[in-house]
Protein backbone atom coordinates (compact mmCIF):
# COMPACT_ATOMS: atom_id res chain seq x y z
CA MET A 1 -8.22 2.29 -5.04
CA LYS A 2 -5.50 1.71 -7.60
CA THR A 3 -2.89 3.41 -5.34
CA LEU A 4 -3.50 1.09 -2.38
CA SER A 5 -3.72 -2.07 -4.82
CA LEU A 6 -0.12 -1.19 -5.86
CA SER A 7 0.78 -0.01 -2.68
CA SER A 8 -0.04 -3.88 -0.91
CA ARG A 9 1.99 -5.45 -3.52
CA ASN A 10 5.14 -2.98 -2.94
CA PHE A 11 4.54 -3.87 1.08
CA LYS A 12 4.52 -7.73 0.68
CA GLU A 13 7.75 -7.15 -1.28
CA ILE A 14 9.42 -5.07 1.16
CA TYR A 15 8.57 -7.43 4.42
CA ARG A 16 9.28 -10.41 2.36
CA ASP A 17 12.77 -10.30 3.70
CA PRO A 18 12.22 -10.22 7.19
CA LEU A 19 16.38 -10.57 7.96
CA THR A 20 16.67 -7.03 6.72
CA ILE A 21 13.59 -5.53 7.99
CA SER A 22 14.39 -7.45 11.74
CA LEU A 23 18.28 -5.41 11.31
CA GLY A 24 16.81 -2.24 10.46
CA LEU A 25 14.37 -2.71 13.62
CA ALA A 26 16.91 -4.22 15.98
CA LEU A 27 19.90 -2.34 15.38
CA PRO A 28 18.67 0.70 17.12
CA VAL A 29 18.26 -1.16 19.80
CA LEU A 30 21.39 -2.70 20.62
CA LEU A 31 22.88 0.91 19.85
CA MET A 32 20.91 2.32 22.74
CA ILE A 33 21.61 -0.63 25.27
CA LEU A 34 25.30 -0.30 24.25
CA PHE A 35 25.36 3.54 24.41
CA SER A 36 23.86 3.86 27.53
CA SER A 37 26.28 0.86 29.31
CA ILE A 38 29.13 4.01 28.52
CA PHE A 39 26.71 6.08 30.05
CA LYS A 40 26.08 4.56 33.15
CA ARG A 41 30.29 4.48 33.34
CA ALA A 42 31.34 7.37 31.83
CA GLN A 43 28.50 9.69 32.82
CA VAL A 44 28.71 11.37 29.29
CA GLU A 45 25.67 13.32 28.96
CA ILE A 46 25.02 12.83 24.75
CA PHE A 47 24.69 9.22 25.71
CA SER A 48 22.15 9.51 28.25
CA PRO A 49 19.05 7.68 27.21
CA THR A 50 17.26 10.81 26.73
CA LEU A 51 19.32 12.34 24.43
CA LEU A 52 20.68 9.38 23.08
CA THR A 53 17.42 8.58 21.72
CA PRO A 54 16.78 10.69 18.74
CA GLY A 55 20.22 10.51 17.27
CA VAL A 56 19.76 6.67 17.34
CA LEU A 57 16.17 7.17 15.20
CA ILE A 58 17.28 9.24 13.22
CA PHE A 59 20.20 7.32 12.29
CA SER A 60 18.10 3.86 11.87
CA PHE A 61 15.48 5.96 9.26
CA SER A 62 18.86 6.63 7.30
CA PHE A 63 18.23 3.05 6.48
CA ILE A 64 14.78 3.54 5.00
CA ILE A 65 16.46 5.06 1.79
CA MET A 66 18.28 2.19 1.61
CA PHE A 67 15.22 -0.07 1.47
CA SER A 68 13.08 2.07 -0.54
CA SER A 69 15.52 3.12 -3.35
CA VAL A 70 16.77 -0.89 -3.70
CA LEU A 71 12.72 -1.19 -4.43
CA ILE A 72 12.23 0.87 -7.16
CA SER A 73 15.83 0.37 -8.88
CA LYS A 74 14.86 -3.39 -9.19
CA ASP A 75 11.68 -2.63 -10.18
CA LYS A 76 12.75 -0.67 -12.81
CA GLU A 77 15.41 -3.01 -14.09
CA ASN A 78 13.49 -6.28 -14.08
CA SER A 79 10.54 -4.03 -16.30
CA PHE A 80 7.79 -4.15 -13.92
CA LEU A 81 7.86 -0.56 -13.62
CA THR A 82 7.51 -0.41 -17.42
CA ARG A 83 4.85 -2.70 -17.77
CA LEU A 84 3.01 -0.26 -15.23
CA PHE A 85 3.44 2.54 -17.17
CA THR A 86 1.43 1.33 -19.83
CA THR A 87 -1.57 1.43 -17.31
CA PRO A 88 -3.48 4.01 -16.63
CA LEU A 89 -1.71 4.88 -13.34
CA LYS A 90 -0.79 8.74 -12.78
CA PRO A 91 2.70 9.78 -10.93
CA SER A 92 1.12 10.55 -7.98
CA HIS A 93 -0.06 6.85 -7.75
CA PHE A 94 3.37 5.51 -8.46
CA ILE A 95 4.87 8.12 -5.89
CA LEU A 96 2.32 7.06 -3.11
CA ALA A 97 2.29 3.63 -3.38
CA TYR A 98 6.01 3.60 -3.20
CA MET A 99 6.04 5.69 -0.42
CA LEU A 100 3.07 4.27 1.69
CA PRO A 101 4.19 0.99 2.82
CA TYR A 102 7.31 2.39 4.65
CA ILE A 103 5.41 4.88 6.87
CA PRO A 104 4.42 1.43 9.31
CA PHE A 105 7.76 0.64 9.11
CA ALA A 106 9.13 4.61 10.13
CA LEU A 107 6.25 4.35 12.85
CA THR A 108 7.63 0.84 14.13
CA GLN A 109 10.68 2.02 14.40
CA THR A 110 9.93 5.04 16.81
CA LEU A 111 7.76 3.17 19.17
CA ILE A 112 10.42 0.65 19.60
CA CYS A 113 13.21 3.17 20.01
CA ILE A 114 10.87 5.10 22.60
CA LEU A 115 10.13 1.80 24.53
CA THR A 116 13.48 1.29 24.55
CA GLY A 117 14.41 4.53 26.00
CA VAL A 118 11.89 4.49 28.37
CA PHE A 119 13.08 0.80 29.84
CA LEU A 120 16.51 2.42 30.09
CA GLY A 121 15.00 5.27 32.21
CA ALA A 122 14.75 8.11 30.01
CA ASP A 123 11.84 10.86 31.31
CA PHE A 124 10.54 11.93 28.22
CA GLN A 125 8.53 15.21 27.78
CA ASN A 126 6.32 16.71 24.39
CA ILE A 127 5.96 13.33 22.56
CA LEU A 128 3.28 14.32 20.57
CA PRO A 129 5.41 17.43 18.81
CA VAL A 130 8.40 15.33 18.60
CA LEU A 131 6.61 12.38 17.15
CA GLY A 132 5.88 14.70 14.50
CA ILE A 133 9.36 15.63 14.05
CA PHE A 134 10.09 12.27 13.22
CA PHE A 135 7.52 12.03 11.04
CA LEU A 136 8.80 14.38 8.68
CA ILE A 137 12.63 13.42 9.01
CA SER A 138 10.97 9.87 8.29
CA PHE A 139 9.60 10.67 4.97
CA THR A 140 12.23 12.80 3.82
CA CYS A 141 14.04 9.95 3.79
CA ILE A 142 11.73 7.94 2.16
CA CYS A 143 11.44 10.47 -0.18
CA MET A 144 14.78 10.40 -0.73
CA GLY A 145 15.09 6.54 -1.10
CA VAL A 146 12.33 7.27 -3.86
CA THR A 147 14.21 9.70 -5.90
CA LEU A 148 17.55 7.60 -5.93
CA GLY A 149 15.02 3.99 -6.47
CA ALA A 150 13.92 6.44 -9.86
CA LEU A 151 17.21 7.87 -11.35
CA LEU A 152 19.85 4.98 -10.33
CA SER A 153 20.69 1.57 -10.95
CA VAL A 154 20.15 -1.33 -8.28
CA ASN A 155 24.56 -1.33 -8.21
CA GLN A 156 24.51 2.96 -7.77
CA VAL A 157 21.66 2.61 -5.56
CA SER A 158 24.04 0.38 -3.34
CA ALA A 159 27.03 2.42 -3.02
CA VAL A 160 25.10 5.81 -2.95
CA GLY A 161 22.63 4.71 -0.27
CA SER A 162 25.45 3.10 1.74
CA LEU A 163 27.32 6.74 1.37
CA LEU A 164 24.34 8.76 2.76
CA ILE A 165 23.92 6.36 5.51
CA THR A 166 27.52 7.23 6.58
CA VAL A 167 27.01 11.15 6.25
CA ILE A 168 23.98 10.87 8.47
CA SER A 169 25.86 8.93 10.95
CA LEU A 170 28.87 11.74 11.08
CA PHE A 171 27.26 14.66 10.29
CA SER A 172 23.56 14.01 12.46
CA GLY A 173 25.08 14.87 15.68
CA ALA A 174 23.46 11.63 16.71
CA TRP A 175 27.00 10.34 18.58
CA MET A 176 28.75 14.16 19.09
CA ASP A 177 27.74 17.43 19.43
CA LEU A 178 28.09 18.97 16.23
CA HIS A 179 28.75 22.59 17.92
CA MET A 180 31.69 21.00 20.30
CA VAL A 181 33.59 19.33 17.17
CA GLY A 182 32.95 22.58 14.78
CA GLY A 183 34.83 22.84 11.79
CA LEU A 184 33.68 21.00 8.73
CA PHE A 185 31.63 18.93 10.69
CA GLU A 186 29.42 21.55 12.47
CA THR A 187 29.12 23.53 8.68
CA ILE A 188 27.95 20.48 6.65
CA GLY A 189 25.97 19.18 9.43
CA TYR A 190 23.51 22.08 9.91
CA ALA A 191 23.32 22.36 6.30
CA LEU A 192 21.33 19.26 6.24
CA PRO A 193 18.27 18.12 8.05
CA PHE A 194 19.26 15.70 10.45
CA ALA A 195 21.20 17.66 13.19
CA HIS A 196 18.19 19.98 13.02
CA ALA A 197 15.88 17.27 14.04
CA ILE A 198 17.68 15.89 16.55
CA ASP A 199 18.31 19.07 17.91
CA ALA A 200 14.89 20.11 17.88
CA ALA A 201 13.73 16.46 19.68
CA LYS A 202 16.22 16.95 22.22
CA ILE A 203 14.94 20.49 23.52
CA LEU A 204 11.20 19.05 23.40
CA LEU A 205 12.33 15.74 25.29
CA ARG A 206 14.29 17.25 27.82
CA GLY A 207 10.86 19.99 28.59
CA GLY A 208 11.60 23.02 26.32
CA GLU A 209 9.04 25.08 24.49
CA THR A 210 7.54 24.39 21.11
CA THR A 211 8.84 28.44 20.58
CA GLY A 212 12.46 27.41 20.94
CA ILE A 213 13.15 24.88 18.32
CA MET A 214 11.51 27.05 15.36
CA LYS A 215 15.11 27.69 14.78
CA ASN A 216 15.56 24.03 13.79
CA LEU A 217 12.12 22.91 12.72
CA PHE A 218 11.80 25.46 9.47
CA PRO A 219 14.99 23.53 8.13
CA VAL A 220 13.14 19.72 8.64
CA ILE A 221 9.99 21.24 6.73
CA ALA A 222 12.18 22.79 3.76
CA TYR A 223 14.24 19.69 3.24
CA THR A 224 10.79 17.32 3.60
CA VAL A 225 8.90 19.66 0.95
CA VAL A 226 12.08 19.71 -1.10
CA PHE A 227 12.53 16.22 -1.30
CA PHE A 228 9.37 14.96 -1.93
CA PHE A 229 8.53 17.60 -5.05
CA THR A 230 12.78 16.17 -6.01
CA ALA A 231 10.67 12.40 -5.68
CA ILE A 232 7.86 13.36 -8.28
CA LEU A 233 10.20 14.76 -10.50
CA SER A 234 12.55 11.67 -10.31
CA PHE A 235 9.51 9.34 -11.09
CA ARG A 236 8.12 11.61 -14.01
CA LYS A 237 11.62 11.70 -15.58
CA THR A 238 11.38 7.41 -15.39
CA ILE A 239 8.04 7.48 -16.88
CA LYS A 240 8.75 9.35 -19.54
CA ARG A 241 12.07 7.36 -20.10
CA GLY A 242 10.02 4.20 -19.71
């Protein structure tokens, strides 16, 4: 009950800025329409609606990192968190209360992108397991945001968050085939979970078997677990300082 009460407050804080939220929801749609238009003229396969959707969606999840980290860092700087630390709430309550409000936002992004893909002509297969992959990577982004917000100031969060959005855009394989690019892009890309998530989603959406995504799925799960515990440790460090 305590977690839900704080989560409700955070939910209201997040959605108090409709312009930012609208941008996070509208930008993926605009990108899908833009690149689908390129596909119609140039027939570049990576820009087909079926293959484009996972990349655009996972790129859009990167904005959750910025949104979640800014909220926590602001609460930390205006002493709201410090006041909360004097209550009987446990670290787990704080972490869940700052994570839960972003899950509906990630689900909404997912639904909008999939519907846009269908509207643009995508023929999706294996939707349910793909939704599981999208949930894992969105939760990873939420955990990353919580970690940054707990450790950094508002100004630092803005700089690091912008850098992470750029890194995810360049090294996730959302706009290009990393195997074809090769070199540093491929090495860095597959050292992170985002390219693995996109590859696994593409295989499934094209009708591939779940057995064919195991090598991509394990890194995604591993990163999710690592960043979840990183978020917990970061919040505990903040509580001790508070």
